[in-house]
Structures are given as C-alpha cells and as structure tokens.
Protein backbone atom coordinates (compact mmCIF):
# COMPACT_ATOMS: atom_id res chain seq x y z
CA UNK A 1 -0.06 0.00 -0.06
CA UNK A 2 2.79 2.32 0.80
CA UNK A 3 4.43 1.54 -2.57
CA UNK A 4 1.20 2.75 -4.47
CA UNK A 5 1.33 5.88 -2.37
CA UNK A 6 4.85 6.69 -3.56
CA UNK A 7 4.02 6.08 -7.17
CA UNK A 8 0.94 8.41 -7.30
CA UNK A 9 2.98 11.71 -7.06
CA UNK A 10 5.39 10.59 -9.76
CA UNK A 11 2.38 9.76 -12.33
CA UNK A 12 1.07 13.15 -11.40
CA UNK A 13 4.34 14.86 -12.31
CA UNK A 14 4.83 13.01 -15.57
CA UNK A 15 1.16 13.94 -16.62
CA UNK A 16 1.95 17.49 -16.13
CA UNK A 17 4.80 17.20 -18.85
CA UNK A 18 2.72 15.70 -21.59
CA UNK A 19 1.62 18.15 -24.23
CA UNK A 20 -2.01 17.44 -25.06
CA UNK A 21 -2.94 18.93 -28.47
CA UNK A 22 -6.12 21.15 -28.30
CA UNK A 23 -8.73 21.75 -31.06
CA UNK A 24 -7.91 25.04 -32.74
CA UNK A 25 -10.66 27.28 -34.09
CA UNK A 26 -10.71 27.30 -37.97
CA UNK A 27 -9.02 30.24 -39.56
CA UNK A 28 -11.21 32.80 -41.24
CA UNK A 29 -10.23 33.14 -44.94
CA UNK A 30 -10.53 36.69 -46.41
CA UNK A 31 -12.47 36.79 -49.55
CA UNK A 32 -11.41 39.62 -51.83
CA UNK A 33 -14.01 41.09 -54.12
CA UNK A 34 -13.56 43.48 -57.01
CA UNK A 35 -15.02 46.93 -56.28
CA UNK A 36 -15.15 47.63 -60.15
CA UNK A 37 -18.62 47.45 -61.56
CA UNK A 38 -19.80 48.04 -64.97
CA UNK A 39 -22.78 50.31 -64.72
CA UNK A 40 -23.72 51.87 -68.20
CA UNK A 41 -25.61 55.07 -68.37
CA UNK A 42 -29.50 54.93 -68.89
CA UNK A 43 -29.08 55.79 -72.57
CA UNK A 44 -26.64 53.04 -73.06
CA UNK A 45 -28.72 50.62 -71.37
CA UNK A 46 -31.74 51.52 -73.45
CA UNK A 47 -29.71 51.12 -76.50
CA UNK A 48 -28.33 47.64 -75.41
CA UNK A 49 -32.03 46.52 -74.82
CA UNK A 50 -32.85 47.60 -78.26
CA UNK A 51 -29.88 45.80 -79.82
CA UNK A 52 -30.89 42.63 -77.96
CA UNK A 53 -34.44 42.93 -79.34
CA UNK A 54 -32.84 42.86 -82.75
CA UNK A 55 -31.46 39.42 -81.84
CA UNK A 56 -27.82 40.67 -82.26
CA UNK A 57 -25.04 38.85 -80.37
CA UNK A 58 -22.74 41.34 -78.61
CA UNK A 59 -20.68 42.15 -75.55
CA UNK A 60 -21.02 45.63 -73.80
CA UNK A 61 -17.56 47.09 -73.42
CA UNK A 62 -16.33 49.66 -70.65
CA UNK A 63 -15.47 53.17 -71.65
CA UNK A 64 -11.94 53.93 -72.76
CA UNK A 65 -10.35 57.34 -73.52
CA UNK A 66 -6.90 57.21 -75.36
CA UNK A 67 -6.42 60.93 -75.79
CA UNK A 68 -6.09 63.06 -78.95
CA UNK A 69 -9.94 62.61 -79.66
CA UNK A 70 -9.83 58.99 -79.66
CA UNK A 71 -12.41 57.12 -77.47
CA UNK A 72 -14.48 54.06 -77.05
CA UNK A 73 -17.67 55.32 -75.31
CA UNK A 74 -20.95 53.31 -75.16
CA UNK A 75 -19.43 50.65 -77.23
CA UNK A 76 -20.09 47.01 -77.82
CA UNK A 77 -18.30 44.02 -79.57
CA UNK A 78 -20.76 42.55 -82.15
CA UNK A 79 -20.28 38.80 -82.77
CA UNK A 80 -23.21 38.36 -85.19
CA UNK A 81 -26.40 39.84 -86.38
CA UNK A 82 -29.80 38.28 -87.29
CA UNK A 83 -31.65 38.30 -90.55
CA UNK A 84 -35.39 37.24 -91.01
CA UNK A 85 -34.65 33.68 -90.59
CA UNK A 86 -30.90 33.17 -89.89
CA UNK A 87 -27.63 34.46 -88.23
CA UNK A 88 -25.36 36.64 -89.95
CA UNK A 89 -21.71 36.30 -89.39
CA UNK A 90 -19.25 39.29 -89.15
CA UNK A 91 -15.58 39.69 -89.73
CA UNK A 92 -12.85 42.06 -88.40
CA UNK A 93 -15.21 44.13 -86.25
CA UNK A 94 -13.64 45.81 -83.14
CA UNK A 95 -15.53 48.09 -80.75
CA UNK A 96 -18.41 50.01 -82.25
CA UNK A 97 -20.75 52.42 -80.50
CA UNK A 98 -24.18 50.90 -79.60
CA UNK A 99 -26.06 53.37 -81.73
CA UNK A 100 -23.95 52.59 -84.70
CA UNK A 101 -24.40 48.83 -84.00
CA UNK A 102 -28.21 49.10 -83.80
CA UNK A 103 -28.36 51.01 -87.12
CA UNK A 104 -26.01 48.46 -88.81
CA UNK A 105 -28.10 45.50 -87.49
CA UNK A 106 -31.30 46.88 -89.02
CA UNK A 107 -29.43 47.79 -92.33
CA UNK A 108 -28.07 44.30 -92.50
CA UNK A 109 -31.35 42.62 -91.99
CA UNK A 110 -33.62 44.96 -94.03
CA UNK A 111 -31.41 46.54 -96.39
CA UNK A 112 -28.93 43.82 -97.24
CA UNK A 113 -30.23 40.47 -96.58
CA UNK A 114 -33.67 41.05 -98.15
CA UNK A 115 -31.98 42.80 -101.12
CA UNK A 116 -29.89 39.75 -101.73
CA UNK A 117 -32.82 37.33 -101.70
CA UNK A 118 -34.80 39.59 -103.99
CA UNK A 119 -32.08 40.43 -106.57
CA UNK A 120 -29.58 37.45 -106.20
CA UNK A 121 -31.78 34.81 -105.17
CA UNK A 122 -29.93 33.92 -102.01
CA UNK A 123 -29.69 35.10 -98.47
CA UNK A 124 -26.53 36.62 -97.02
CA UNK A 125 -24.73 34.56 -94.44
CA UNK A 126 -21.79 36.87 -93.65
CA UNK A 127 -20.79 40.37 -93.93
CA UNK A 128 -17.05 41.09 -94.21
CA UNK A 129 -15.62 44.47 -92.97
CA UNK A 130 -12.21 46.24 -92.80
CA UNK A 131 -12.92 47.08 -89.17
CA UNK A 132 -14.48 49.85 -87.09
CA UNK A 133 -12.36 51.64 -84.29
CA UNK A 134 -9.23 53.10 -85.61
CA UNK A 135 -7.51 56.25 -84.08
CA UNK A 136 -6.96 58.16 -87.20
CA UNK A 137 -7.88 61.21 -89.26
CA UNK A 138 -9.98 61.64 -92.35
CA UNK A 139 -7.60 61.02 -95.23
CA UNK A 140 -5.86 64.28 -96.27
CA UNK A 141 -7.32 66.34 -93.33
CA UNK A 142 -6.64 67.08 -89.78
CA UNK A 143 -10.11 66.15 -88.66
CA UNK A 144 -10.67 62.84 -86.74
CA UNK A 145 -12.53 60.23 -88.69
CA UNK A 146 -15.64 58.61 -87.27
CA UNK A 147 -13.47 55.54 -86.90
CA UNK A 148 -11.63 57.39 -84.10
CA UNK A 149 -14.69 57.18 -81.83
CA UNK A 150 -15.91 53.77 -82.99
CA UNK A 151 -18.60 55.09 -84.75
CA UNK A 152 -17.94 53.93 -88.32
CA UNK A 153 -17.65 50.75 -90.02
CA UNK A 154 -16.09 49.81 -93.50
CA UNK A 155 -17.97 47.08 -95.35
CA UNK A 156 -16.05 45.25 -97.98
CA UNK A 157 -17.89 42.27 -99.08
CA UNK A 158 -21.09 40.00 -98.72
CA UNK A 159 -21.08 36.15 -98.68
CA UNK A 160 -24.27 34.46 -99.83
CA UNK A 161 -25.85 31.11 -98.75
CA UNK A 162 -25.17 29.72 -102.18
CA UNK A 163 -21.42 30.25 -101.81
CA UNK A 164 -21.15 33.42 -103.84
CA UNK A 165 -18.94 36.30 -102.47
CA UNK A 166 -19.76 39.69 -103.59
CA UNK A 167 -17.09 42.37 -103.13
CA UNK A 168 -17.23 46.20 -103.49
CA UNK A 169 -13.94 46.23 -105.10
CA UNK A 170 -14.56 43.58 -107.76
CA UNK A 171 -18.39 43.81 -108.35
CA UNK A 172 -19.23 47.56 -108.09
CA UNK A 173 -18.36 48.16 -111.77
CA UNK A 174 -17.34 44.62 -112.94
CA UNK A 175 -19.92 42.22 -111.45
CA UNK A 176 -22.91 40.82 -113.33
CA UNK A 177 -25.89 43.15 -113.78
CA UNK A 178 -27.60 41.57 -110.80
CA UNK A 179 -24.50 41.94 -108.56
CA UNK A 180 -24.08 45.69 -109.58
CA UNK A 181 -27.70 46.37 -108.79
CA UNK A 182 -27.55 44.61 -105.48
CA UNK A 183 -24.48 46.63 -104.34
CA UNK A 184 -26.16 49.99 -105.43
CA UNK A 185 -29.34 49.07 -103.59
CA UNK A 186 -27.55 48.18 -100.40
CA UNK A 187 -25.59 51.43 -100.75
CA UNK A 188 -28.73 53.46 -101.26
CA UNK A 189 -30.26 51.76 -98.11
CA UNK A 190 -27.34 52.83 -96.13
CA UNK A 191 -27.64 56.31 -97.18
CA UNK A 192 -31.33 56.47 -95.77
CA UNK A 193 -30.08 55.13 -92.27
CA UNK A 194 -26.45 56.27 -91.75
CA UNK A 195 -25.46 60.07 -91.48
CA UNK A 196 -22.55 59.52 -93.78
CA UNK A 197 -22.24 56.87 -96.42
CA UNK A 198 -19.27 56.73 -98.71
CA UNK A 199 -18.59 54.31 -101.64
CA UNK A 200 -16.63 53.90 -104.83
CA UNK A 201 -18.18 56.75 -106.63
CA UNK A 202 -16.86 59.19 -103.80
CA UNK A 203 -13.14 58.73 -104.37
CA UNK A 204 -10.40 55.98 -105.02
CA UNK A 205 -9.87 55.45 -101.18
CA UNK A 206 -13.30 53.96 -101.08
CA UNK A 207 -12.94 51.76 -104.14
CA UNK A 208 -12.99 48.72 -102.03
CA UNK A 209 -15.60 49.45 -99.32
CA UNK A 210 -18.61 51.40 -98.15
CA UNK A 211 -17.87 53.66 -95.20
CA UNK A 212 -20.89 53.71 -92.92
CA UNK A 213 -20.99 56.29 -90.10
CA UNK A 214 -23.73 57.08 -87.60
CA UNK A 215 -22.68 60.79 -87.16
CA UNK A 216 -26.12 62.50 -87.61
CA UNK A 217 -25.07 64.05 -90.94
CA UNK A 218 -26.66 63.82 -94.42
CA UNK A 219 -23.93 62.85 -96.86
CA UNK A 220 -24.20 60.20 -99.26
CA UNK A 221 -21.80 59.59 -102.09
C-alpha cells in the first residue's frame, strides 16, 4: 500500500509534462471582391436593350479614353446579327458604338439580306468588314475620322448562302448586272439609315468598301 502511495505523485508529475493537443478554431479566410462594377448610363442601357431585341449577339464594353480625340464610349463588340430567318456572321469588327451597332443591325437585315434574296436569289450569311475603331484622321485632313470614336464601319464584301462572295472592289463596276444592282441597292439603303455613307463613286480611297457612319449628318456618295 505504501508503494502505491509513492507512485501516485510520480504519475502526477509525468502527466503535467505531456503536451495534449487542443482543438484549434478554424482560420477565417479573407475573400476579396472586386469593387469595379460595369454600370452603363441609362441611354446606353436602353440602346443595349434595343440591340438585344434585334437578336444581335454582342458584348458591352467599358468606356476607354485614349487621348487626342480617340475614344470608345458606349461601345459593344458585335459577334453576329440576325436576318429574318438566320444568323449573319461578321468579320474584323472591333468596338463599335451601340447606336452604330443598332443601325448597322437594321441595315443588315432589311437593307442587305432582303435585297440579296430578291435580286440575287440567295440570303446573306456573312458581312465582311475592314473594321470599326481606328484612331486616325479623315484622309488628307486634320479632322478625326468617325473611326476614331468607334462610330463607323467599313464594309467590304457580302457572302451568300449559295457560296457567292460579292465584293465592293470587284463587283461595283465589273460584277454581273444583278451584282451591280445589289451593291447599289444596299448602298442606297445605307444612305437612308446612316448620317454619312461613302462608296466607290466618292473617291479612290473607297473603291473597295462602303464607309458607314452614324454621325447625324446627311452625306451620301
């Protein structure tokens, strides 16, 4: 009995030296959220709604200011448009103002696709362009081009469902009678929708494309 009494204090001392792990509270993880929000102006939101109603595929873009009169304000990136019955592909388009995009979508459907079916007997499946935004002046002047504010598109060709490719350069003067008529009809339709419309009859710089610009003007050549 005395032996057990001597052992108990020793066991107590050893127990005090043992490091018993304790449950640790879980660490809180800090979640960082971006404070940058894309909040377009009411007029831009209205335009985006109208563009969506036209069944265009697009992405709204944040405003950008590049200096020297070059900007991308209230712009979108158009991926495709819609005709009466199908999707219309696009090539080479960069940022374009929403107002310009909406006008372009209406022209493509009513002024281009329907004219192709009536005159050429085939629908349009793709509109080829030389682009939209470009920080530059009007050729031979010190005045900024509509391209400097993403408010203009240069259209170079139309590809039909039957495989034909109608180009401004090759077919404005040298195409078949129907092809020449088609190009002049779509050019005239553009003149009714855009403020400035320029084509091969304007000057040699536009021999290979239609310059379409939603600038509120009234100039058609």
